Protein backbone atom coordinates (compact mmCIF):
# COMPACT_ATOMS: atom_id res chain seq x y z
CA GLY A 1 139.12 190.29 31.86
CA ALA A 2 141.89 191.00 34.60
CA GLU A 3 140.84 194.76 34.67
CA GLU A 4 137.63 193.98 35.63
CA ASP A 5 139.04 191.49 38.01
CA ALA A 6 141.11 193.91 39.34
CA ILE A 7 137.65 196.36 40.58
CA ALA A 8 137.68 196.68 44.44
CA ASP A 9 134.91 195.14 46.35
CA ARG A 10 133.05 193.68 43.02
CA ALA A 11 130.73 190.95 43.85
CA LEU A 12 131.52 188.11 41.93
CA PRO A 13 128.80 186.69 39.45
CA TYR A 14 127.30 183.01 40.10
CA SER A 15 125.53 180.80 37.54
CA ALA A 16 123.95 177.65 38.06
CA ASP A 17 124.04 174.09 36.61
CA PRO A 18 122.28 170.89 36.89
CA ASN A 19 125.61 170.24 39.61
CA GLY A 20 124.90 173.50 41.80
CA VAL A 21 126.22 176.99 41.32
CA ARG A 22 129.21 178.09 39.65
CA PRO A 23 131.53 180.95 39.01
CA ALA A 24 129.65 182.79 36.23
CA PRO A 25 131.74 182.90 32.70
CA GLN A 26 134.64 185.42 32.22
CA PHE A 27 132.04 188.09 30.55
CA ASP A 28 134.20 191.40 28.93
CA MET A 29 131.93 194.15 29.48
CA SER A 30 133.39 196.22 26.09
CA THR A 31 131.32 193.61 24.00
CA ALA A 32 127.95 194.89 25.40
CA SER A 33 128.06 197.33 23.02
CA GLY A 34 124.45 199.18 23.03
CA ALA A 35 123.22 196.79 25.50
CA GLY A 36 125.24 198.70 28.53
CA GLY A 37 127.62 196.52 30.11
CA LEU A 38 128.22 198.91 32.89
CA ILE A 39 129.72 198.12 36.06
CA GLY A 40 127.78 199.64 39.10
CA SER A 41 125.85 199.10 41.96
CA ALA A 42 122.50 199.66 43.09
CA ARG A 43 123.40 203.09 44.80
CA ASP A 44 124.93 204.35 41.49
CA LEU A 45 121.77 203.35 39.21
CA ALA A 46 119.90 205.54 41.53
CA ARG A 47 121.62 208.64 40.90
CA TRP A 48 121.65 207.77 37.45
CA ALA A 49 117.93 207.61 38.11
CA ASP A 50 117.56 210.38 40.01
CA ALA A 51 119.19 212.87 37.16
CA LEU A 52 117.46 211.42 34.50
CA HIS A 53 114.14 211.89 36.09
CA HIS A 54 115.10 215.48 37.23
CA GLY A 55 116.09 217.08 34.03
CA LYS A 56 119.67 216.94 34.31
CA ILE A 57 120.36 214.61 31.71
CA LEU A 58 117.81 215.04 28.63
CA SER A 59 115.71 218.04 27.53
CA ALA A 60 112.00 217.94 28.55
CA ALA A 61 111.26 217.09 25.07
CA SER A 62 113.69 214.33 25.16
CA TYR A 63 112.69 212.80 28.27
CA ALA A 64 108.81 212.68 26.97
CA GLN A 65 109.59 211.21 23.77
CA MET A 66 111.33 208.67 26.38
CA THR A 67 108.46 208.25 28.45
CA ALA A 68 105.66 207.85 26.33
CA PRO A 69 104.21 204.59 24.80
CA THR A 70 105.45 203.11 21.32
CA VAL A 71 102.32 203.64 18.63
CA LEU A 72 102.61 200.71 15.80
CA PRO A 73 101.84 201.06 12.24
CA ASP A 74 98.71 199.33 12.49
CA GLY A 75 97.73 201.33 15.23
CA ARG A 76 98.26 199.60 18.73
CA MET A 77 100.07 200.46 21.43
CA VAL A 78 102.83 199.00 23.48
CA PRO A 79 104.06 200.17 26.75
CA TYR A 80 107.28 200.22 25.60
CA GLY A 81 109.21 204.01 25.06
CA PHE A 82 112.87 204.48 24.45
CA GLY A 83 114.70 201.72 26.88
CA LEU A 84 112.30 202.25 29.25
CA SER A 85 108.91 199.93 30.01
CA PHE A 86 105.57 200.98 31.78
CA GLU A 87 103.12 199.14 33.91
CA VAL A 88 100.75 199.84 36.75
CA LEU A 89 101.60 198.25 39.98
CA ARG A 90 98.72 198.87 43.13
CA GLY A 91 96.90 201.31 41.08
CA MET A 92 100.43 203.63 40.63
CA LYS A 93 101.86 204.34 37.13
CA THR A 94 105.18 203.05 37.21
CA ILE A 95 108.52 203.39 34.65
CA THR A 96 110.78 200.05 34.95
CA HIS A 97 114.06 198.72 33.10
CA GLY A 98 115.87 195.49 33.82
CA GLY A 99 119.28 194.20 32.41
CA ALA A 100 120.63 190.55 32.31
CA ILE A 101 124.01 188.99 31.91
CA ALA A 102 126.12 185.75 32.53
CA GLY A 103 126.04 185.83 36.36
CA ALA A 104 124.10 188.74 37.39
CA GLN A 105 120.56 190.35 36.89
CA THR A 106 119.01 193.51 37.79
CA ASP A 107 115.71 195.49 37.38
CA SER A 108 114.05 199.03 38.72
CA VAL A 109 111.56 200.82 38.95
CA TYR A 110 110.72 204.49 39.53
CA LEU A 111 106.84 205.91 40.77
CA PRO A 112 106.69 209.36 38.77
CA ASP A 113 103.87 210.58 40.90
CA GLN A 114 105.36 209.76 44.05
CA ASP A 115 108.87 210.48 42.78
CA ILE A 116 110.07 207.25 44.25
CA PHE A 117 112.92 204.71 43.12
CA VAL A 118 114.04 202.04 43.71
CA ALA A 119 116.76 198.87 42.11
CA ALA A 120 117.53 194.91 42.78
CA PHE A 121 120.66 193.78 42.22
CA VAL A 122 121.21 189.85 42.52
CA ALA A 123 125.00 188.65 41.78
CA THR A 124 123.65 185.36 39.89
CA ASP A 125 121.71 184.67 36.70
CA ALA A 126 119.30 181.77 38.24
CA PRO A 127 118.41 183.33 41.45
CA THR A 128 115.45 181.94 43.54
CA THR A 129 113.71 185.15 43.60
CA HIS A 130 113.89 187.53 40.26
CA PRO A 131 114.66 191.19 41.37
CA ALA A 132 112.05 192.47 39.44
CA VAL A 133 109.97 190.98 42.34
CA VAL A 134 111.72 192.27 45.02
CA ALA A 135 111.83 196.10 43.37
CA ARG A 136 108.61 195.75 43.37
CA GLN A 137 107.40 194.54 46.74
CA LEU A 138 110.01 197.79 47.87
CA VAL A 139 108.76 200.22 45.90
CA ALA A 140 105.17 199.14 47.18
CA LEU A 141 106.03 199.15 50.49
CA ALA A 142 107.97 202.90 50.37
CA ALA A 143 104.69 203.87 48.70
CA GLY A 144 102.32 202.87 51.39
CA ARG A 145 100.94 200.08 49.46
CA PRO A 146 102.23 196.89 50.29
CA ILE A 147 102.07 193.67 48.43
CA PRO A 148 101.07 191.16 51.27
CA LEU A 149 104.18 188.43 51.49
CA LEU A 150 103.16 185.01 51.33
CA GLY A 151 105.03 181.72 51.12
CA LYS A 152 104.23 178.34 50.16
CA VAL A 153 102.95 175.62 53.13
CA PRO A 154 103.85 171.99 52.53
CA VAL A 155 100.09 170.35 52.22
CA GLU A 156 99.15 166.66 50.93
CA PRO A 157 97.47 167.77 48.28
CA THR A 158 94.58 165.32 48.63
CA SER A 159 93.54 167.58 51.63
CA LEU A 160 92.78 170.56 49.74
CA GLU A 161 90.39 168.37 46.80
CA PRO A 162 87.39 170.17 48.20
CA LEU A 163 88.86 173.53 47.19
CA PHE A 164 89.60 171.72 43.20
CA GLY A 165 86.80 172.45 40.88
CA VAL A 166 85.98 175.43 38.18
CA TYR A 167 84.80 178.97 38.94
CA GLU A 168 83.72 181.52 36.88
CA THR A 169 83.10 185.16 37.71
CA THR A 170 79.69 186.05 37.11
CA GLU A 171 80.19 189.51 35.41
CA GLU A 172 82.49 188.28 32.74
CA ALA A 173 81.59 184.70 32.86
CA ILE A 174 85.52 183.95 32.72
CA GLU A 175 86.07 180.19 33.84
CA GLN A 176 89.19 179.50 36.22
CA GLN A 177 90.22 175.65 37.16
CA LEU A 178 91.92 175.24 39.92
CA TYR A 179 93.99 171.16 40.09
CA PHE A 180 96.11 169.05 40.71
CA GLY A 181 98.12 167.46 38.30
CA GLY A 182 102.16 166.62 37.31
CA GLY A 183 103.05 167.45 40.98
CA HIS A 184 101.64 170.69 41.08
CA PHE A 185 98.46 172.60 41.93
CA ARG A 186 97.72 174.38 38.80
CA TRP A 187 95.64 177.17 37.39
CA LEU A 188 93.82 177.47 34.05
CA ALA A 189 91.99 180.44 32.44
CA GLY A 190 92.09 181.73 29.26
CA GLY A 191 93.91 178.89 27.66
CA ARG A 192 97.33 179.74 29.94
CA GLU A 193 98.05 177.58 32.90
CA ARG A 194 100.06 178.13 35.26
CA ILE A 195 102.02 176.39 38.45
CA VAL A 196 100.51 178.14 42.32
CA HIS A 197 101.73 177.50 45.18
CA PHE A 198 99.74 176.76 48.41
CA ALA A 199 100.46 179.75 51.17
CA GLY A 200 98.34 178.34 53.96
CA ASN A 201 94.75 179.68 54.66
CA GLY A 202 93.01 178.69 51.46
CA ARG A 203 95.41 181.15 49.69
CA PHE A 204 97.81 179.83 46.64
CA LEU A 205 100.65 182.41 45.15
CA PHE A 206 101.62 182.00 41.78
CA ALA A 207 104.76 180.12 40.88
CA PRO A 208 107.61 182.33 39.28
CA PRO A 209 107.46 184.91 37.02
CA TYR A 210 103.86 186.09 38.19
CA GLU A 211 104.70 185.55 42.29
CA LEU A 212 103.32 189.14 42.65
CA ASP A 213 99.62 187.54 42.29
CA TRP A 214 97.92 185.24 44.22
CA PHE A 215 94.04 184.44 45.34
CA GLU A 216 92.15 183.19 48.06
CA ILE A 217 89.13 180.53 48.35
CA LYS A 218 86.45 181.52 51.03
CA ARG A 219 83.46 180.05 51.75
CA ASP A 220 80.42 182.73 50.96
CA ALA A 221 77.19 182.66 52.64
CA SER A 222 75.37 179.73 51.03
CA GLY A 223 78.31 177.59 51.97
CA ALA A 224 79.78 178.14 48.20
CA ASN A 225 83.70 178.62 47.68
CA VAL A 226 84.44 181.84 46.24
CA LEU A 227 87.71 182.47 44.89
CA GLU A 228 89.09 186.10 45.18
CA MET A 229 91.45 187.16 42.53
CA HIS A 230 94.91 189.57 43.85
CA ASP A 231 96.81 191.09 41.31
CA SER A 232 99.61 193.09 41.54
CA ILE A 233 98.60 195.72 38.49
CA ILE A 234 94.63 196.04 39.12
CA ASP A 235 94.28 197.02 42.92
CA GLN A 236 91.10 195.54 43.42
CA VAL A 237 89.64 192.16 44.10
CA ARG A 238 87.46 190.02 41.41
CA ARG A 239 85.52 187.34 42.75
CA SER A 240 84.89 183.90 41.24
CA VAL A 241 82.25 181.13 42.19
CA ARG A 242 82.53 177.56 41.97
CA LYS A 243 79.73 176.09 39.38
CA GLY A 244 81.38 172.37 39.20
CA VAL A 245 83.82 169.96 39.37
CA ILE A 246 86.74 169.77 36.99
CA PRO A 247 85.58 168.42 33.84
CA SER A 248 87.23 164.56 33.15
CA ARG A 249 90.33 164.44 31.39
CA THR A 250 90.21 161.30 29.95
CA VAL A 251 90.16 162.15 26.24
CA PRO A 252 88.97 158.53 24.22
CA ARG A 253 92.06 157.30 22.16
CA ALA A 254 90.12 158.15 18.25
CA THR A 255 89.99 161.95 20.10
CA LEU A 256 94.02 161.51 20.50
CA GLU A 257 94.04 159.93 17.00
CA ARG A 258 92.91 162.82 15.68
CA TYR A 259 95.82 164.84 17.07
CA VAL A 260 98.99 162.08 15.77
CA GLY A 261 100.68 164.09 12.79
CA ARG A 262 103.14 166.84 11.56
CA TYR A 263 103.02 169.92 12.39
CA LYS A 264 105.19 172.89 11.48
CA VAL A 265 105.69 175.53 14.17
CA ALA A 266 107.72 178.56 13.31
CA GLY A 267 109.77 176.68 11.02
CA THR A 268 110.52 173.33 12.64
CA ILE A 269 108.91 170.14 12.58
CA THR A 270 106.70 169.04 15.81
CA THR A 271 105.33 165.30 15.54
CA ILE A 272 102.87 164.66 17.92
CA ALA A 273 102.50 160.72 18.23
CA LEU A 274 100.49 158.28 20.82
CA GLY A 275 102.76 157.05 23.50
CA PRO A 276 102.26 154.24 25.66
CA GLU A 277 98.40 153.58 27.82
CA SER A 278 96.80 156.07 25.43
CA THR A 279 99.01 159.44 25.68
CA LEU A 280 100.59 161.49 23.44
CA THR A 281 104.28 162.50 23.12
CA VAL A 282 105.60 165.79 21.42
CA GLN A 283 109.09 165.68 19.65
CA ARG A 284 110.57 168.62 17.56
CA ALA A 285 113.01 167.83 14.62
CA ASN A 286 116.38 167.01 15.85
CA GLN A 287 115.47 166.21 19.44
CA PRO A 288 116.78 163.14 20.71
CA ASP A 289 113.67 162.27 22.87
CA ALA A 290 110.00 162.12 23.06
CA THR A 291 108.32 164.41 25.67
CA PRO A 292 105.50 163.01 27.38
CA LEU A 293 102.06 165.19 27.86
CA ARG A 294 99.88 165.69 30.13
CA THR A 295 95.58 166.08 29.10
CA VAL A 296 94.82 169.03 30.30
CA SER A 297 91.91 169.38 28.17
CA PRO A 298 90.00 167.35 25.67
CA THR A 299 91.80 169.83 23.18
CA GLN A 300 94.99 171.15 25.77
CA PHE A 301 97.86 169.02 26.78
CA ALA A 302 100.74 170.19 29.11
CA ALA A 303 104.81 169.50 28.07
CA ASP A 304 105.47 169.68 32.27
CA LYS A 305 109.63 169.03 30.88
CA VAL A 306 109.39 172.19 29.15
CA GLY A 307 106.50 174.18 30.47
CA ALA A 308 104.82 174.61 27.38
CA LEU A 309 101.11 174.11 26.56
CA LEU A 310 99.59 172.72 22.84
CA THR A 311 96.08 173.46 21.95
CA PHE A 312 94.74 171.40 19.25
CA GLU A 313 92.30 173.67 17.13
CA GLY A 314 90.16 172.99 14.08
CA ASP A 315 87.57 170.23 12.81
CA GLY A 316 88.30 167.53 10.36
CA PRO A 317 89.13 163.61 10.21
CA LYS A 318 92.96 165.38 11.78
CA ALA A 319 93.23 168.48 13.72
CA PRO A 320 94.60 171.24 10.80
CA ARG A 321 96.26 173.83 13.61
CA LEU A 322 98.75 173.05 16.51
CA ARG A 323 98.79 176.49 19.19
CA SER A 324 102.22 175.99 21.30
CA ARG A 325 102.22 178.34 24.34
CA LEU A 326 105.47 178.59 26.78
CA GLY A 327 105.29 181.72 29.04
CA GLU A 328 103.95 184.47 26.91
CA MET A 329 105.30 183.28 23.63
CA GLU A 330 102.90 182.04 21.60
CA LEU A 331 102.91 179.34 18.49
CA LEU A 332 100.32 178.67 15.53
CA GLY A 333 101.71 175.69 13.22
CA GLU A 334 99.67 174.16 10.38
CA ARG A 335 99.80 170.43 10.42
CA VAL A 336 101.54 169.10 7.04
CA LEU A 337 100.94 166.38 4.59
CA GLU A 338 103.00 163.59 5.60
CA ASP A 339 104.60 163.03 2.15
CA ALA A 340 105.46 166.62 2.07
CA VAL A 341 107.83 166.56 4.97
CA PRO A 342 111.18 165.01 4.68
CA ASP A 343 112.25 162.17 7.56
CA HIS A 344 114.79 164.25 10.04
CA ASP A 345 117.59 161.74 11.03
């Protein structure tokens, strides 16, 4: 509104669209209500954090409640208190909180044991690097446990083919795959496929929002490729040994036909069909066009256009279930009888 525009030295907020960067839509902060809706700087937030974490805002009992994980009715514990989240970064306990609004994103990290606080603000809702990544890099640096800074290095994918394959940890028999598909290097483990970028010298950096994690492929004394995984949470290296090539991604047409049909996913009908050259497509109700699927395994297919991974489950002449994963969200759909669902125009 006009009152906000009159604030001296206020950073202008920006958004992105297919045509580039543009000023963000006007937003009256008074409508944010319980979400906060505050206007301020990183320095302002640092002053607030200092007061909050040093007993100047809440009683000791209230602060203890605010910074305690939540126990759900089924007994599970989630790392979230009263408005605050809890993580482990490079082996250090953290208390975190972030925010977003049209034209801006913020994040903050507090290390209670080291009494270090970092806030990162960006004046756009489509940053190249999320402020959560910047805040964690800075707080780890301030604590003397820096996270390696890696960047993408141009490379011809075929030159890295000797590194592709199936890797397995000896302790837990966890299988990982590294390959190139759909225009990107990709890492698959535990039913999750993630894009990775080559960072030079056998190193690969995970694409946002996981870019604090990376791995490196080396050769051991026997000449075998070894994948050393580094992540921002576990302050140790996990090693996996290459055990073979990537399995064939050619799926027989009869198998693909098992997946064709309609599934009810989160109350919406999702249609799987056979596309050209014996490939699958996916189309949700009311979507104008079908999205082609890339084969990941005989049961898994990626919708690269939206970043989703689809897994067909169950036995029988027709797959009874479809599991859809988009980021950290996972939905399970059930096949529906063809005569039980009306056509969608």
